Amino acid sequence: IAQLMKNGIEPFKIQNLTFTNKAASERKNRIATVVGPSEAKNLWMGTFHSVFARILRSEGEKLGYPSNFTIYDTQDSVRLIASIIKEMQLEKDKYKPKQALGRISQFKNSLITVRAYYQNPELMEADKASGRPKMGSIYQEYVDRCFKAGAMDFDDLLLRTNELLTRFPEVLAKYQDRFRYIMVDEYQDTNHSQYLIVRALADRYQNICVVGDDSQSIYA
């Protein structure tokens, strides 16, 4: 990144994605020692979620979200799902909020919307077989409540970015032009949703560098 900047590439044209705020901060500090802090601060550097949240703050109104949307943490999401399960009068031993949230997270990271869920007999059958036939209803209610509250959870930051780039070609073109150089750290930990966003953003200029260690893969 420092080499690109020394060769005249504007820092705001470079996007660097990693998985923790600590790693992003350390990287920015290392680059600052080479090119200077005033230049380093203009880099689009951060976690997947923080960088895409920043994009969604600017563009989210196209999807019906306010620019100051709330970001639910895991605790917020578990609390909301617990209340949905209670209102639907479902069996507590079969429908546990954390497990339900984990299932919804799997759907979102595989870009499976509520509609896609109901169009997939295998998914519905799997939930039925595990004693949770109402999983789709919980998912639907959870998504509706979040939207009405003007809120996204962590997985939405990826799901909605994918939706934004897919539904609005002019937005995709804008960010393809902005991020002419993309680097992804800890690439072995990217999920399908993150992969598709990075592929879409890099498609125009094809300047992409990924660094990873497959022996550390959390998805192995």
C-alpha atoms as a PDB file:
ATOM      1  CA  ILE A   1       0.000   0.000   0.000  1.00  0.00           C
ATOM      2  CA  ALA A   2       2.818   2.410   0.877  1.00  0.00           C
ATOM      3  CA  GLN A   3       4.505   1.554  -2.426  1.00  0.00           C
ATOM      4  CA  LEU A   4       1.319   2.326  -4.367  1.00  0.00           C
ATOM      5  CA  MET A   5       1.047   5.678  -2.598  1.00  0.00           C
ATOM      6  CA  LYS A   6       4.704   6.478  -3.264  1.00  0.00           C
ATOM      7  CA  ASN A   7       3.998   5.817  -6.943  1.00  0.00           C
ATOM      8  CA  GLY A   8       1.286   8.475  -6.963  1.00  0.00           C
ATOM      9  CA  ILE A   9      -1.877   6.457  -6.295  1.00  0.00           C
ATOM     10  CA  GLU A  10      -4.323   8.553  -4.268  1.00  0.00           C
ATOM     11  CA  PRO A  11      -4.899   6.937  -0.841  1.00  0.00           C
ATOM     12  CA  PHE A  12      -8.694   7.213  -1.117  1.00  0.00           C
ATOM     13  CA  LYS A  13      -8.517   4.965  -4.209  1.00  0.00           C
ATOM     14  CA  ILE A  14      -7.119   2.132  -2.067  1.00  0.00           C
ATOM     15  CA  GLN A  15      -9.342  -0.166  -0.038  1.00  0.00           C
ATOM     16  CA  ASN A  16      -7.860  -2.465   2.601  1.00  0.00           C
ATOM     17  CA  LEU A  17     -10.107  -4.981   4.357  1.00  0.00           C
ATOM     18  CA  THR A  18      -9.340  -7.136   7.356  1.00  0.00           C
ATOM     19  CA  PHE A  19     -11.216  -8.830  10.196  1.00  0.00           C
ATOM     20  CA  THR A  20     -10.459  -6.917  13.389  1.00  0.00           C
ATOM     21  CA  ASN A  21     -10.256  -3.244  14.321  1.00  0.00           C
ATOM     22  CA  LYS A  22      -6.930  -3.973  16.013  1.00  0.00           C
ATOM     23  CA  ALA A  23      -5.409  -5.337  12.795  1.00  0.00           C
ATOM     24  CA  ALA A  24      -6.743  -2.382  10.766  1.00  0.00           C
ATOM     25  CA  SER A  25      -5.358   0.118  13.284  1.00  0.00           C
ATOM     26  CA  GLU A  26      -1.952  -1.557  13.364  1.00  0.00           C
ATOM     27  CA  ARG A  27      -1.771  -1.593   9.583  1.00  0.00           C
ATOM     28  CA  LYS A  28      -2.678   2.080   9.329  1.00  0.00           C
ATOM     29  CA  ASN A  29       0.021   2.931  11.890  1.00  0.00           C
ATOM     30  CA  ARG A  30       2.636   0.921   9.956  1.00  0.00           C
ATOM     31  CA  ILE A  31       1.734   2.654   6.698  1.00  0.00           C
ATOM     32  CA  ALA A  32       1.752   6.054   8.443  1.00  0.00           C
ATOM     33  CA  THR A  33       5.378   5.526   9.480  1.00  0.00           C
ATOM     34  CA  VAL A  34       6.274   5.118   5.786  1.00  0.00           C
ATOM     35  CA  VAL A  35       4.091   7.717   4.038  1.00  0.00           C
ATOM     36  CA  GLY A  36       3.072  10.022   6.910  1.00  0.00           C
ATOM     37  CA  PRO A  37      -0.105  10.143   9.034  1.00  0.00           C
ATOM     38  CA  SER A  38      -1.861  12.821   6.950  1.00  0.00           C
ATOM     39  CA  GLU A  39      -1.740  10.596   3.867  1.00  0.00           C
ATOM     40  CA  ALA A  40      -2.518   7.336   5.715  1.00  0.00           C
ATOM     41  CA  LYS A  41      -5.728   8.727   7.233  1.00  0.00           C
ATOM     42  CA  ASN A  42      -7.294   8.963   3.740  1.00  0.00           C
ATOM     43  CA  LEU A  43      -7.119   5.205   3.151  1.00  0.00           C
ATOM     44  CA  TRP A  44     -10.345   3.193   3.159  1.00  0.00           C
ATOM     45  CA  MET A  45      -9.015   0.794   5.745  1.00  0.00           C
ATOM     46  CA  GLY A  46     -10.971  -1.255   8.268  1.00  0.00           C
ATOM     47  CA  THR A  47     -12.967  -4.381   8.880  1.00  0.00           C
ATOM     48  CA  PHE A  48     -15.394  -5.637   6.259  1.00  0.00           C
ATOM     49  CA  HIS A  49     -18.260  -4.539   8.479  1.00  0.00           C
ATOM     50  CA  SER A  50     -16.956  -1.045   9.255  1.00  0.00           C
ATOM     51  CA  VAL A  51     -16.099  -0.241   5.615  1.00  0.00           C
ATOM     52  CA  PHE A  52     -19.422  -1.511   4.286  1.00  0.00           C
ATOM     53  CA  ALA A  53     -21.354   0.204   7.082  1.00  0.00           C
ATOM     54  CA  ARG A  54     -19.756   3.435   5.879  1.00  0.00           C
ATOM     55  CA  ILE A  55     -20.973   2.766   2.336  1.00  0.00           C
ATOM     56  CA  LEU A  56     -24.465   1.891   3.575  1.00  0.00           C
ATOM     57  CA  ARG A  57     -24.647   5.128   5.593  1.00  0.00           C
ATOM     58  CA  SER A  58     -24.206   6.962   2.275  1.00  0.00           C
ATOM     59  CA  GLU A  59     -26.308   4.743   0.038  1.00  0.00           C
ATOM     60  CA  GLY A  60     -28.721   2.877   2.327  1.00  0.00           C
ATOM     61  CA  GLU A  61     -31.671   5.156   1.591  1.00  0.00           C
ATOM     62  CA  LYS A  62     -31.921   3.430  -1.787  1.00  0.00           C
ATOM     63  CA  LEU A  63     -32.810   0.267   0.158  1.00  0.00           C
ATOM     64  CA  GLY A  64     -35.234   2.077   2.456  1.00  0.00           C
ATOM     65  CA  TYR A  65     -32.883   2.551   5.431  1.00  0.00           C
ATOM     66  CA  PRO A  66     -32.148   5.894   7.108  1.00  0.00           C
ATOM     67  CA  SER A  67     -28.536   7.101   6.946  1.00  0.00           C
ATOM     68  CA  ASN A  68     -28.377   6.918  10.744  1.00  0.00           C
ATOM     69  CA  PHE A  69     -29.609   3.306  10.900  1.00  0.00           C
ATOM     70  CA  THR A  70     -28.881   1.419  14.120  1.00  0.00           C
ATOM     71  CA  ILE A  71     -26.471  -1.518  14.082  1.00  0.00           C
ATOM     72  CA  TYR A  72     -27.681  -4.332  16.334  1.00  0.00           C
ATOM     73  CA  ASP A  73     -25.020  -6.297  18.163  1.00  0.00           C
ATOM     74  CA  THR A  74     -25.469  -9.992  18.957  1.00  0.00           C
ATOM     75  CA  GLN A  75     -27.159  -9.235  22.269  1.00  0.00           C
ATOM     76  CA  ASP A  76     -29.721  -6.951  20.597  1.00  0.00           C
ATOM     77  CA  SER A  77     -30.478  -9.630  18.000  1.00  0.00           C
ATOM     78  CA  VAL A  78     -30.817 -12.448  20.558  1.00  0.00           C
ATOM     79  CA  ARG A  79     -33.165 -10.288  22.630  1.00  0.00           C
ATOM     80  CA  LEU A  80     -35.348  -9.522  19.615  1.00  0.00           C
ATOM     81  CA  ILE A  81     -35.517 -13.168  18.528  1.00  0.00           C
ATOM     82  CA  ALA A  82     -36.347 -14.258  22.098  1.00  0.00           C
ATOM     83  CA  SER A  83     -39.269 -11.854  22.086  1.00  0.00           C
ATOM     84  CA  ILE A  84     -40.460 -13.130  18.673  1.00  0.00           C
ATOM     85  CA  ILE A  85     -40.292 -16.759  19.866  1.00  0.00           C
ATOM     86  CA  LYS A  86     -42.264 -15.823  22.972  1.00  0.00           C
ATOM     87  CA  GLU A  87     -44.939 -13.963  20.987  1.00  0.00           C
ATOM     88  CA  MET A  88     -45.270 -16.889  18.575  1.00  0.00           C
ATOM     89  CA  GLN A  89     -45.691 -19.178  21.606  1.00  0.00           C
ATOM     90  CA  LEU A  90     -43.101 -21.647  20.340  1.00  0.00           C
ATOM     91  CA  GLU A  91     -41.537 -24.367  22.487  1.00  0.00           C
ATOM     92  CA  LYS A  92     -38.559 -22.964  24.374  1.00  0.00           C
ATOM     93  CA  ASP A  93     -36.585 -26.196  24.341  1.00  0.00           C
ATOM     94  CA  LYS A  94     -36.781 -26.441  20.532  1.00  0.00           C
ATOM     95  CA  TYR A  95     -36.497 -22.768  19.645  1.00  0.00           C
ATOM     96  CA  LYS A  96     -33.500 -21.283  21.428  1.00  0.00           C
ATOM     97  CA  PRO A  97     -32.780 -17.639  20.518  1.00  0.00           C
ATOM     98  CA  LYS A  98     -29.008 -18.055  20.036  1.00  0.00           C
ATOM     99  CA  GLN A  99     -29.479 -21.117  17.829  1.00  0.00           C
ATOM    100  CA  ALA A 100     -32.161 -19.349  15.791  1.00  0.00           C
ATOM    101  CA  LEU A 101     -29.883 -16.342  15.311  1.00  0.00           C
ATOM    102  CA  GLY A 102     -27.047 -18.669  14.238  1.00  0.00           C
ATOM    103  CA  ARG A 103     -29.320 -20.232  11.641  1.00  0.00           C
ATOM    104  CA  ILE A 104     -30.429 -16.817  10.345  1.00  0.00           C
ATOM    105  CA  SER A 105     -26.767 -15.758  10.207  1.00  0.00           C
ATOM    106  CA  GLN A 106     -25.995 -18.807   8.042  1.00  0.00           C
ATOM    107  CA  PHE A 107     -28.798 -17.832   5.674  1.00  0.00           C
ATOM    108  CA  LYS A 108     -27.658 -14.226   5.365  1.00  0.00           C
ATOM    109  CA  ASN A 109     -23.994 -15.077   4.827  1.00  0.00           C
ATOM    110  CA  SER A 110     -25.061 -17.421   2.025  1.00  0.00           C
ATOM    111  CA  LEU A 111     -27.271 -14.612   0.616  1.00  0.00           C
ATOM    112  CA  ILE A 112     -30.428 -16.597   1.355  1.00  0.00           C
ATOM    113  CA  THR A 113     -33.208 -14.061   1.857  1.00  0.00           C
ATOM    114  CA  VAL A 114     -36.576 -14.958   3.377  1.00  0.00           C
ATOM    115  CA  ARG A 115     -38.014 -15.362  -0.113  1.00  0.00           C
ATOM    116  CA  ALA A 116     -35.110 -17.598  -1.165  1.00  0.00           C
ATOM    117  CA  TYR A 117     -35.598 -19.658   1.990  1.00  0.00           C
ATOM    118  CA  TYR A 118     -39.234 -20.372   1.111  1.00  0.00           C
ATOM    119  CA  GLN A 119     -38.178 -21.316  -2.416  1.00  0.00           C
ATOM    120  CA  ASN A 120     -35.728 -23.895  -1.088  1.00  0.00           C
ATOM    121  CA  PRO A 121     -37.485 -27.129  -0.025  1.00  0.00           C
ATOM    122  CA  GLU A 122     -34.229 -28.630   1.265  1.00  0.00           C
ATOM    123  CA  LEU A 123     -33.693 -25.833   3.787  1.00  0.00           C
ATOM    124  CA  MET A 124     -37.278 -26.005   5.007  1.00  0.00           C
ATOM    125  CA  GLU A 125     -37.087 -29.783   5.279  1.00  0.00           C
ATOM    126  CA  ALA A 126     -33.830 -29.554   7.265  1.00  0.00           C
ATOM    127  CA  ASP A 127     -35.451 -27.195   9.782  1.00  0.00           C
ATOM    128  CA  LYS A 128     -38.519 -29.386   9.979  1.00  0.00           C
ATOM    129  CA  ALA A 129     -36.340 -32.465  10.589  1.00  0.00           C
ATOM    130  CA  SER A 130     -34.521 -30.682  13.411  1.00  0.00           C
ATOM    131  CA  GLY A 131     -37.857 -29.898  15.095  1.00  0.00           C
ATOM    132  CA  ARG A 132     -37.979 -26.227  14.057  1.00  0.00           C
ATOM    133  CA  PRO A 133     -40.566 -25.990  11.252  1.00  0.00           C
ATOM    134  CA  LYS A 134     -41.317 -22.338  12.136  1.00  0.00           C
ATOM    135  CA  MET A 135     -37.769 -21.169  11.423  1.00  0.00           C
ATOM    136  CA  GLY A 136     -38.891 -19.363   8.261  1.00  0.00           C
ATOM    137  CA  SER A 137     -41.578 -17.473  10.184  1.00  0.00           C
ATOM    138  CA  ILE A 138     -39.031 -16.375  12.796  1.00  0.00           C
ATOM    139  CA  TYR A 139     -36.670 -15.248  10.034  1.00  0.00           C
ATOM    140  CA  GLN A 140     -39.442 -13.275   8.312  1.00  0.00           C
ATOM    141  CA  GLU A 141     -40.541 -11.565  11.535  1.00  0.00           C
ATOM    142  CA  TYR A 142     -36.961 -10.780  12.550  1.00  0.00           C
ATOM    143  CA  VAL A 143     -36.175  -9.156   9.183  1.00  0.00           C
ATOM    144  CA  ASP A 144     -39.436  -7.170   9.252  1.00  0.00           C
ATOM    145  CA  ARG A 145     -38.846  -5.898  12.798  1.00  0.00           C
ATOM    146  CA  CYS A 146     -35.272  -4.842  12.048  1.00  0.00           C
ATOM    147  CA  PHE A 147     -36.376  -2.975   8.930  1.00  0.00           C
ATOM    148  CA  LYS A 148     -39.220  -1.190  10.748  1.00  0.00           C
ATOM    149  CA  ALA A 149     -36.797  -0.166  13.492  1.00  0.00           C
ATOM    150  CA  GLY A 150     -34.337   1.198  10.923  1.00  0.00           C
ATOM    151  CA  ALA A 151     -31.764  -1.326  12.101  1.00  0.00           C
ATOM    152  CA  MET A 152     -29.290  -3.789  10.602  1.00  0.00           C
ATOM    153  CA  ASP A 153     -27.425  -6.585  12.317  1.00  0.00           C
ATOM    154  CA  PHE A 154     -23.786  -7.440  11.497  1.00  0.00           C
ATOM    155  CA  ASP A 155     -24.783  -9.903   8.779  1.00  0.00           C
ATOM    156  CA  ASP A 156     -27.043  -7.297   7.160  1.00  0.00           C
ATOM    157  CA  LEU A 157     -24.009  -5.069   6.613  1.00  0.00           C
ATOM    158  CA  LEU A 158     -22.808  -7.686   4.112  1.00  0.00           C
ATOM    159  CA  LEU A 159     -26.197  -8.844   2.825  1.00  0.00           C
ATOM    160  CA  ARG A 160     -27.424  -5.278   2.166  1.00  0.00           C
ATOM    161  CA  THR A 161     -24.141  -4.246   0.557  1.00  0.00           C
ATOM    162  CA  ASN A 162     -24.508  -7.167  -1.837  1.00  0.00           C
ATOM    163  CA  GLU A 163     -28.099  -6.129  -2.508  1.00  0.00           C
ATOM    164  CA  LEU A 164     -27.044  -2.522  -3.086  1.00  0.00           C
ATOM    165  CA  LEU A 165     -24.306  -3.469  -5.583  1.00  0.00           C
ATOM    166  CA  THR A 166     -26.570  -5.944  -7.387  1.00  0.00           C
ATOM    167  CA  ARG A 167     -29.708  -3.810  -7.640  1.00  0.00           C
ATOM    168  CA  PHE A 168     -28.080  -0.477  -8.417  1.00  0.00           C
ATOM    169  CA  PRO A 169     -25.456  -0.702 -11.213  1.00  0.00           C
ATOM    170  CA  GLU A 170     -24.668   3.006 -10.881  1.00  0.00           C
ATOM    171  CA  VAL A 171     -23.700   2.503  -7.221  1.00  0.00           C
ATOM    172  CA  LEU A 172     -21.499  -0.452  -8.161  1.00  0.00           C
ATOM    173  CA  ALA A 173     -19.801   1.622 -10.879  1.00  0.00           C
ATOM    174  CA  LYS A 174     -19.221   4.470  -8.410  1.00  0.00           C
ATOM    175  CA  TYR A 175     -17.432   2.252  -5.885  1.00  0.00           C
ATOM    176  CA  GLN A 176     -15.574   0.267  -8.534  1.00  0.00           C
ATOM    177  CA  ASP A 177     -14.141   3.580  -9.688  1.00  0.00           C
ATOM    178  CA  ARG A 178     -13.343   4.669  -6.142  1.00  0.00           C
ATOM    179  CA  PHE A 179     -11.639   1.442  -5.058  1.00  0.00           C
ATOM    180  CA  ARG A 180      -9.147   0.923  -7.855  1.00  0.00           C
ATOM    181  CA  TYR A 181      -6.799  -1.094  -5.639  1.00  0.00           C
ATOM    182  CA  ILE A 182      -8.183  -3.631  -3.180  1.00  0.00           C
ATOM    183  CA  MET A 183      -6.326  -5.669  -0.599  1.00  0.00           C
ATOM    184  CA  VAL A 184      -7.899  -8.291   1.667  1.00  0.00           C
ATOM    185  CA  ASP A 185      -6.061  -9.647   4.689  1.00  0.00           C
ATOM    186  CA  GLU A 186      -6.855 -12.966   6.446  1.00  0.00           C
ATOM    187  CA  TYR A 187      -8.556 -13.968   3.190  1.00  0.00           C
ATOM    188  CA  GLN A 188      -9.050 -17.544   4.383  1.00  0.00           C
ATOM    189  CA  ASP A 189     -11.795 -16.277   6.707  1.00  0.00           C
ATOM    190  CA  THR A 190     -13.965 -14.624   4.063  1.00  0.00           C
ATOM    191  CA  ASN A 191     -17.435 -16.079   3.632  1.00  0.00           C
ATOM    192  CA  HIS A 192     -19.465 -16.280   0.435  1.00  0.00           C
ATOM    193  CA  SER A 193     -21.093 -12.894   0.972  1.00  0.00           C
ATOM    194  CA  GLN A 194     -17.755 -11.112   1.509  1.00  0.00           C
ATOM    195  CA  TYR A 195     -16.233 -12.871  -1.494  1.00  0.00           C
ATOM    196  CA  LEU A 196     -19.031 -11.685  -3.798  1.00  0.00           C
ATOM    197  CA  ILE A 197     -18.700  -8.059  -2.646  1.00  0.00           C
ATOM    198  CA  VAL A 198     -14.942  -8.039  -3.172  1.00  0.00           C
ATOM    199  CA  ARG A 199     -15.270  -9.737  -6.564  1.00  0.00           C
ATOM    200  CA  ALA A 200     -17.870  -7.186  -7.693  1.00  0.00           C
ATOM    201  CA  LEU A 201     -15.834  -4.184  -6.510  1.00  0.00           C
ATOM    202  CA  ALA A 202     -12.617  -5.455  -8.121  1.00  0.00           C
ATOM    203  CA  ASP A 203     -14.253  -6.485 -11.394  1.00  0.00           C
ATOM    204  CA  ARG A 204     -13.596  -3.256 -13.278  1.00  0.00           C
ATOM    205  CA  TYR A 205      -9.882  -2.642 -12.635  1.00  0.00           C
ATOM    206  CA  GLN A 206      -8.873  -6.125 -11.454  1.00  0.00           C
ATOM    207  CA  ASN A 207      -6.230  -4.749  -9.085  1.00  0.00           C
ATOM    208  CA  ILE A 208      -6.733  -7.094  -6.158  1.00  0.00           C
ATOM    209  CA  CYS A 209      -4.319  -8.656  -3.695  1.00  0.00           C
ATOM    210  CA  VAL A 210      -5.419 -11.190  -1.102  1.00  0.00           C
ATOM    211  CA  VAL A 211      -3.302 -12.605   1.695  1.00  0.00           C
ATOM    212  CA  GLY A 212      -4.300 -15.653   3.690  1.00  0.00           C
ATOM    213  CA  ASP A 213      -3.236 -18.823   5.438  1.00  0.00           C
ATOM    214  CA  ASP A 214      -5.476 -21.778   4.626  1.00  0.00           C
ATOM    215  CA  SER A 215      -4.166 -23.743   7.618  1.00  0.00           C
ATOM    216  CA  GLN A 216      -5.865 -21.160   9.854  1.00  0.00           C
ATOM    217  CA  SER A 217      -9.195 -21.213   8.041  1.00  0.00           C
ATOM    218  CA  ILE A 218     -12.228 -21.000  10.341  1.00  0.00           C
ATOM    219  CA  TYR A 219     -14.294 -22.544   7.511  1.00  0.00           C
ATOM    220  CA  ALA A 220     -11.975 -25.523   6.988  1.00  0.00           C
END
